[in-house]
PDB file of N, CA and C in Angstrom:
ATOM      1  N   MET A   1    -174.818 -54.222-161.498  1.00  0.00           N
ATOM      2  CA  MET A   1    -175.557 -53.079-161.015  1.00  0.00           C
ATOM      3  C   MET A   1    -175.997 -52.180-162.170  1.00  0.00           C
ATOM      4  N   TRP A   2    -175.217 -52.074-163.228  1.00  0.00           N
ATOM      5  CA  TRP A   2    -175.530 -51.196-164.354  1.00  0.00           C
ATOM      6  C   TRP A   2    -175.996 -51.966-165.583  1.00  0.00           C
ATOM      7  N   ALA A   3    -176.314 -53.209-165.433  1.00  0.00           N
ATOM      8  CA  ALA A   3    -176.588 -54.087-166.569  1.00  0.00           C
ATOM      9  C   ALA A   3    -177.682 -53.577-167.499  1.00  0.00           C
ATOM     10  N   GLY A   4    -178.753 -53.035-166.984  1.00  0.00           N
ATOM     11  CA  GLY A   4    -179.859 -52.613-167.838  1.00  0.00           C
ATOM     12  C   GLY A   4    -179.990 -51.113-167.989  1.00  0.00           C
ATOM     13  N   SER A   5    -178.951 -50.374-167.707  1.00  0.00           N
ATOM     14  CA  SER A   5    -179.074 -48.917-167.664  1.00  0.00           C
ATOM     15  C   SER A   5    -179.352 -48.274-169.019  1.00  0.00           C
ATOM     16  N   GLU A   6    -178.887 -48.872-170.095  1.00  0.00           N
ATOM     17  CA  GLU A   6    -179.095 -48.263-171.406  1.00  0.00           C
ATOM     18  C   GLU A   6    -180.270 -48.858-172.162  1.00  0.00           C
ATOM     19  N   SER A   7    -180.899 -49.885-171.620  1.00  0.00           N
ATOM     20  CA  SER A   7    -181.956 -50.558-172.373  1.00  0.00           C
ATOM     21  C   SER A   7    -183.151 -49.644-172.657  1.00  0.00           C
ATOM     22  N   THR A   8    -183.501 -48.779-171.727  1.00  0.00           N
ATOM     23  CA  THR A   8    -184.618 -47.861-171.950  1.00  0.00           C
ATOM     24  C   THR A   8    -184.285 -46.869-173.055  1.00  0.00           C
ATOM     25  N   ALA A   9    -183.100 -46.316-173.028  1.00  0.00           N
ATOM     26  CA  ALA A   9    -182.689 -45.356-174.055  1.00  0.00           C
ATOM     27  C   ALA A   9    -182.632 -46.011-175.427  1.00  0.00           C
ATOM     28  N   VAL A  10    -182.118 -47.217-175.493  1.00  0.00           N
ATOM     29  CA  VAL A  10    -182.037 -47.934-176.766  1.00  0.00           C
ATOM     30  C   VAL A  10    -183.433 -48.240-177.287  1.00  0.00           C
ATOM     31  N   THR A  11    -184.334 -48.661-176.413  1.00  0.00           N
ATOM     32  CA  THR A  11    -185.708 -48.967-176.816  1.00  0.00           C
ATOM     33  C   THR A  11    -186.413 -47.719-177.329  1.00  0.00           C
ATOM     34  N   MET A  12    -186.260 -46.601-176.647  1.00  0.00           N
ATOM     35  CA  MET A  12    -186.884 -45.352-177.091  1.00  0.00           C
ATOM     36  C   MET A  12    -186.303 -44.891-178.430  1.00  0.00           C
ATOM     37  N   THR A  13    -184.998 -45.010-178.589  1.00  0.00           N
ATOM     38  CA  THR A  13    -184.362 -44.641-179.853  1.00  0.00           C
ATOM     39  C   THR A  13    -184.880 -45.505-180.987  1.00  0.00           C
ATOM     40  N   TRP A  14    -184.998 -46.798-180.728  1.00  0.00           N
ATOM     41  CA  TRP A  14    -185.508 -47.732-181.728  1.00  0.00           C
ATOM     42  C   TRP A  14    -186.952 -47.385-182.103  1.00  0.00           C
ATOM     43  N   ALA A  15    -187.781 -47.120-181.115  1.00  0.00           N
ATOM     44  CA  ALA A  15    -189.184 -46.786-181.368  1.00  0.00           C
ATOM     45  C   ALA A  15    -189.299 -45.506-182.195  1.00  0.00           C
ATOM     46  N   LEU A  16    -188.546 -44.487-181.838  1.00  0.00           N
ATOM     47  CA  LEU A  16    -188.593 -43.228-182.589  1.00  0.00           C
ATOM     48  C   LEU A  16    -188.074 -43.412-184.006  1.00  0.00           C
ATOM     49  N   SER A  17    -187.036 -44.215-184.159  1.00  0.00           N
ATOM     50  CA  SER A  17    -186.509 -44.506-185.489  1.00  0.00           C
ATOM     51  C   SER A  17    -187.556 -45.188-186.360  1.00  0.00           C
ATOM     52  N   LEU A  18    -188.244 -46.167-185.801  1.00  0.00           N
ATOM     53  CA  LEU A  18    -189.285 -46.865-186.557  1.00  0.00           C
ATOM     54  C   LEU A  18    -190.435 -45.932-186.914  1.00  0.00           C
ATOM     55  N   LEU A  19    -190.833 -45.079-185.985  1.00  0.00           N
ATOM     56  CA  LEU A  19    -191.912 -44.131-186.273  1.00  0.00           C
ATOM     57  C   LEU A  19    -191.511 -43.154-187.380  1.00  0.00           C
ATOM     58  N   LEU A  20    -190.275 -42.694-187.356  1.00  0.00           N
ATOM     59  CA  LEU A  20    -189.819 -41.769-188.394  1.00  0.00           C
ATOM     60  C   LEU A  20    -189.710 -42.450-189.752  1.00  0.00           C
ATOM     61  N   ASN A  21    -189.444 -43.740-189.759  1.00  0.00           N
ATOM     62  CA  ASN A  21    -189.360 -44.495-191.011  1.00  0.00           C
ATOM     63  C   ASN A  21    -190.723 -44.957-191.512  1.00  0.00           C
ATOM     64  N   HIS A  22    -191.761 -44.783-190.706  1.00  0.00           N
ATOM     65  CA  HIS A  22    -193.129 -45.147-191.087  1.00  0.00           C
ATOM     66  C   HIS A  22    -194.045 -43.960-190.767  1.00  0.00           C
ATOM     67  N   PRO A  23    -193.963 -42.901-191.581  1.00  0.00           N
ATOM     68  CA  PRO A  23    -194.690 -41.667-191.267  1.00  0.00           C
ATOM     69  C   PRO A  23    -196.203 -41.827-191.178  1.00  0.00           C
ATOM     70  N   HIS A  24    -196.776 -42.800-191.865  1.00  0.00           N
ATOM     71  CA  HIS A  24    -198.230 -42.996-191.778  1.00  0.00           C
ATOM     72  C   HIS A  24    -198.637 -43.477-190.384  1.00  0.00           C
ATOM     73  N   ILE A  25    -197.771 -44.233-189.737  1.00  0.00           N
ATOM     74  CA  ILE A  25    -198.050 -44.686-188.368  1.00  0.00           C
ATOM     75  C   ILE A  25    -197.880 -43.519-187.396  1.00  0.00           C
ATOM     76  N   LEU A  26    -196.828 -42.747-187.582  1.00  0.00           N
ATOM     77  CA  LEU A  26    -196.603 -41.563-186.751  1.00  0.00           C
ATOM     78  C   LEU A  26    -197.771 -40.588-186.887  1.00  0.00           C
ATOM     79  N   LYS A  27    -198.251 -40.403-188.112  1.00  0.00           N
ATOM     80  CA  LYS A  27    -199.390 -39.508-188.353  1.00  0.00           C
ATOM     81  C   LYS A  27    -200.643 -40.019-187.647  1.00  0.00           C
ATOM     82  N   GLY A  28    -200.860 -41.330-187.664  1.00  0.00           N
ATOM     83  CA  GLY A  28    -202.014 -41.907-186.976  1.00  0.00           C
ATOM     84  C   GLY A  28    -201.958 -41.668-185.477  1.00  0.00           C
ATOM     85  N   ALA A  29    -200.763 -41.826-184.908  1.00  0.00           N
ATOM     86  CA  ALA A  29    -200.596 -41.585-183.473  1.00  0.00           C
ATOM     87  C   ALA A  29    -200.822 -40.112-183.148  1.00  0.00           C
ATOM     88  N   GLN A  30    -200.300 -39.234-183.996  1.00  0.00           N
ATOM     89  CA  GLN A  30    -200.473 -37.799-183.776  1.00  0.00           C
ATOM     90  C   GLN A  30    -201.939 -37.394-183.894  1.00  0.00           C
ATOM     91  N   GLU A  31    -202.632 -37.952-184.869  1.00  0.00           N
ATOM     92  CA  GLU A  31    -204.059 -37.645-185.022  1.00  0.00           C
ATOM     93  C   GLU A  31    -204.857 -38.115-183.811  1.00  0.00           C
ATOM     94  N   GLU A  32    -204.526 -39.307-183.301  1.00  0.00           N
ATOM     95  CA  GLU A  32    -205.224 -39.812-182.120  1.00  0.00           C
ATOM     96  C   GLU A  32    -204.986 -38.888-180.927  1.00  0.00           C
ATOM     97  N   LEU A  33    -203.752 -38.441-180.748  1.00  0.00           N
ATOM     98  CA  LEU A  33    -203.449 -37.512-179.660  1.00  0.00           C
ATOM     99  C   LEU A  33    -204.208 -36.199-179.826  1.00  0.00           C
ATOM    100  N   ASP A  34    -204.246 -35.680-181.041  1.00  0.00           N
ATOM    101  CA  ASP A  34    -204.956 -34.420-181.290  1.00  0.00           C
ATOM    102  C   ASP A  34    -206.445 -34.550-180.991  1.00  0.00           C
ATOM    103  N   ILE A  35    -207.034 -35.689-181.353  1.00  0.00           N
ATOM    104  CA  ILE A  35    -208.467 -35.900-181.140  1.00  0.00           C
ATOM    105  C   ILE A  35    -208.796 -36.062-179.660  1.00  0.00           C
ATOM    106  N   HIS A  36    -208.046 -36.914-178.968  1.00  0.00           N
ATOM    107  CA  HIS A  36    -208.400 -37.280-177.593  1.00  0.00           C
ATOM    108  C   HIS A  36    -207.783 -36.379-176.524  1.00  0.00           C
ATOM    109  N   VAL A  37    -206.665 -35.740-176.840  1.00  0.00           N
ATOM    110  CA  VAL A  37    -205.993 -34.904-175.842  1.00  0.00           C
ATOM    111  C   VAL A  37    -206.028 -33.435-176.262  1.00  0.00           C
ATOM    112  N   GLY A  38    -205.774 -33.179-177.525  1.00  0.00           N
ATOM    113  CA  GLY A  38    -205.707 -31.808-178.019  1.00  0.00           C
ATOM    114  C   GLY A  38    -204.265 -31.364-178.176  1.00  0.00           C
ATOM    115  N   ARG A  39    -204.090 -30.279-178.891  1.00  0.00           N
ATOM    116  CA  ARG A  39    -202.734 -29.787-179.171  1.00  0.00           C
ATOM    117  C   ARG A  39    -202.184 -28.901-178.056  1.00  0.00           C
ATOM    118  N   GLU A  40    -203.033 -28.368-177.243  1.00  0.00           N
ATOM    119  CA  GLU A  40    -202.613 -27.396-176.228  1.00  0.00           C
ATOM    120  C   GLU A  40    -202.491 -27.999-174.833  1.00  0.00           C
ATOM    121  N   LYS A  41    -202.572 -29.307-174.714  1.00  0.00           N
ATOM    122  CA  LYS A  41    -202.600 -29.952-173.401  1.00  0.00           C
ATOM    123  C   LYS A  41    -201.594 -31.101-173.362  1.00  0.00           C
ATOM    124  N   TRP A  42    -201.047 -31.368-172.197  1.00  0.00           N
ATOM    125  CA  TRP A  42    -200.178 -32.522-171.996  1.00  0.00           C
ATOM    126  C   TRP A  42    -201.042 -33.762-171.784  1.00  0.00           C
ATOM    127  N   VAL A  43    -200.515 -34.917-172.158  1.00  0.00           N
ATOM    128  CA  VAL A  43    -201.224 -36.178-171.911  1.00  0.00           C
ATOM    129  C   VAL A  43    -201.221 -36.441-170.413  1.00  0.00           C
ATOM    130  N   GLU A  44    -202.383 -36.778-169.886  1.00  0.00           N
ATOM    131  CA  GLU A  44    -202.503 -37.138-168.476  1.00  0.00           C
ATOM    132  C   GLU A  44    -202.841 -38.618-168.375  1.00  0.00           C
ATOM    133  N   GLU A  45    -202.648 -39.172-167.208  1.00  0.00           N
ATOM    134  CA  GLU A  45    -202.912 -40.598-167.011  1.00  0.00           C
ATOM    135  C   GLU A  45    -204.343 -40.964-167.391  1.00  0.00           C
ATOM    136  N   SER A  46    -205.272 -40.084-167.127  1.00  0.00           N
ATOM    137  CA  SER A  46    -206.675 -40.361-167.448  1.00  0.00           C
ATOM    138  C   SER A  46    -206.925 -40.411-168.962  1.00  0.00           C
ATOM    139  N   ASP A  47    -206.027 -39.846-169.760  1.00  0.00           N
ATOM    140  CA  ASP A  47    -206.167 -39.863-171.219  1.00  0.00           C
ATOM    141  C   ASP A  47    -205.756 -41.198-171.831  1.00  0.00           C
ATOM    142  N   ILE A  48    -204.921 -41.940-171.143  1.00  0.00           N
ATOM    143  CA  ILE A  48    -204.302 -43.131-171.722  1.00  0.00           C
ATOM    144  C   ILE A  48    -205.328 -44.155-172.177  1.00  0.00           C
ATOM    145  N   LYS A  49    -206.413 -44.311-171.456  1.00  0.00           N
ATOM    146  CA  LYS A  49    -207.427 -45.313-171.824  1.00  0.00           C
ATOM    147  C   LYS A  49    -208.044 -45.025-173.189  1.00  0.00           C
ATOM    148  N   ASN A  50    -207.994 -43.773-173.630  1.00  0.00           N
ATOM    149  CA  ASN A  50    -208.557 -43.384-174.922  1.00  0.00           C
ATOM    150  C   ASN A  50    -207.553 -43.474-176.074  1.00  0.00           C
ATOM    151  N   LEU A  51    -206.298 -43.723-175.766  1.00  0.00           N
ATOM    152  CA  LEU A  51    -205.241 -43.730-176.778  1.00  0.00           C
ATOM    153  C   LEU A  51    -204.904 -45.162-177.187  1.00  0.00           C
ATOM    154  N   VAL A  52    -205.846 -45.816-177.812  1.00  0.00           N
ATOM    155  CA  VAL A  52    -205.726 -47.234-178.159  1.00  0.00           C
ATOM    156  C   VAL A  52    -204.599 -47.469-179.167  1.00  0.00           C
ATOM    157  N   TYR A  53    -204.520 -46.642-180.197  1.00  0.00           N
ATOM    158  CA  TYR A  53    -203.496 -46.811-181.236  1.00  0.00           C
ATOM    159  C   TYR A  53    -202.104 -46.609-180.647  1.00  0.00           C
ATOM    160  N   LEU A  54    -201.941 -45.589-179.834  1.00  0.00           N
ATOM    161  CA  LEU A  54    -200.650 -45.320-179.204  1.00  0.00           C
ATOM    162  C   LEU A  54    -200.264 -46.443-178.243  1.00  0.00           C
ATOM    163  N   GLN A  55    -201.237 -46.990-177.523  1.00  0.00           N
ATOM    164  CA  GLN A  55    -200.967 -48.133-176.648  1.00  0.00           C
ATOM    165  C   GLN A  55    -200.461 -49.319-177.462  1.00  0.00           C
ATOM    166  N   ALA A  56    -201.055 -49.548-178.626  1.00  0.00           N
ATOM    167  CA  ALA A  56    -200.630 -50.654-179.488  1.00  0.00           C
ATOM    168  C   ALA A  56    -199.195 -50.446-179.968  1.00  0.00           C
ATOM    169  N   ILE A  57    -198.833 -49.208-180.285  1.00  0.00           N
ATOM    170  CA  ILE A  57    -197.465 -48.907-180.713  1.00  0.00           C
ATOM    171  C   ILE A  57    -196.484 -49.203-179.586  1.00  0.00           C
ATOM    172  N   VAL A  58    -196.811 -48.776-178.384  1.00  0.00           N
ATOM    173  CA  VAL A  58    -195.932 -49.012-177.233  1.00  0.00           C
ATOM    174  C   VAL A  58    -195.789 -50.506-176.964  1.00  0.00           C
ATOM    175  N   LYS A  59    -196.902 -51.233-176.982  1.00  0.00           N
ATOM    176  CA  LYS A  59    -196.852 -52.679-176.734  1.00  0.00           C
ATOM    177  C   LYS A  59    -196.027 -53.395-177.793  1.00  0.00           C
ATOM    178  N   GLU A  60    -196.183 -53.011-179.039  1.00  0.00           N
ATOM    179  CA  GLU A  60    -195.415 -53.633-180.116  1.00  0.00           C
ATOM    180  C   GLU A  60    -193.932 -53.306-179.981  1.00  0.00           C
ATOM    181  N   THR A  61    -193.614 -52.072-179.588  1.00  0.00           N
ATOM    182  CA  THR A  61    -192.218 -51.691-179.377  1.00  0.00           C
ATOM    183  C   THR A  61    -191.589 -52.531-178.276  1.00  0.00           C
ATOM    184  N   LEU A  62    -192.301 -52.721-177.183  1.00  0.00           N
ATOM    185  CA  LEU A  62    -191.765 -53.502-176.065  1.00  0.00           C
ATOM    186  C   LEU A  62    -191.690 -54.987-176.401  1.00  0.00           C
ATOM    187  N   ARG A  63    -192.554 -55.453-177.299  1.00  0.00           N
ATOM    188  CA  ARG A  63    -192.520 -56.852-177.718  1.00  0.00           C
ATOM    189  C   ARG A  63    -191.259 -57.137-178.533  1.00  0.00           C
ATOM    190  N   ILE A  64    -190.876 -56.187-179.359  1.00  0.00           N
ATOM    191  CA  ILE A  64    -189.693 -56.354-180.206  1.00  0.00           C
ATOM    192  C   ILE A  64    -188.479 -56.301-179.325  1.00  0.00           C
TER     193      ILE A  64
END
């Protein structure tokens, strides 16, 4: 029943660790968010189609 309960937390921790160890990738994701969403707004579902670089990061994280 609890077999996969920590997998999401571990995956998120791993992704954040990798981003912090590769600041140029983190900067690219932040720049994409600033351009397509802005600094004063939360990301909405309609924004996701414009966040190609961030989608690639998420897909690569889930692949690993």
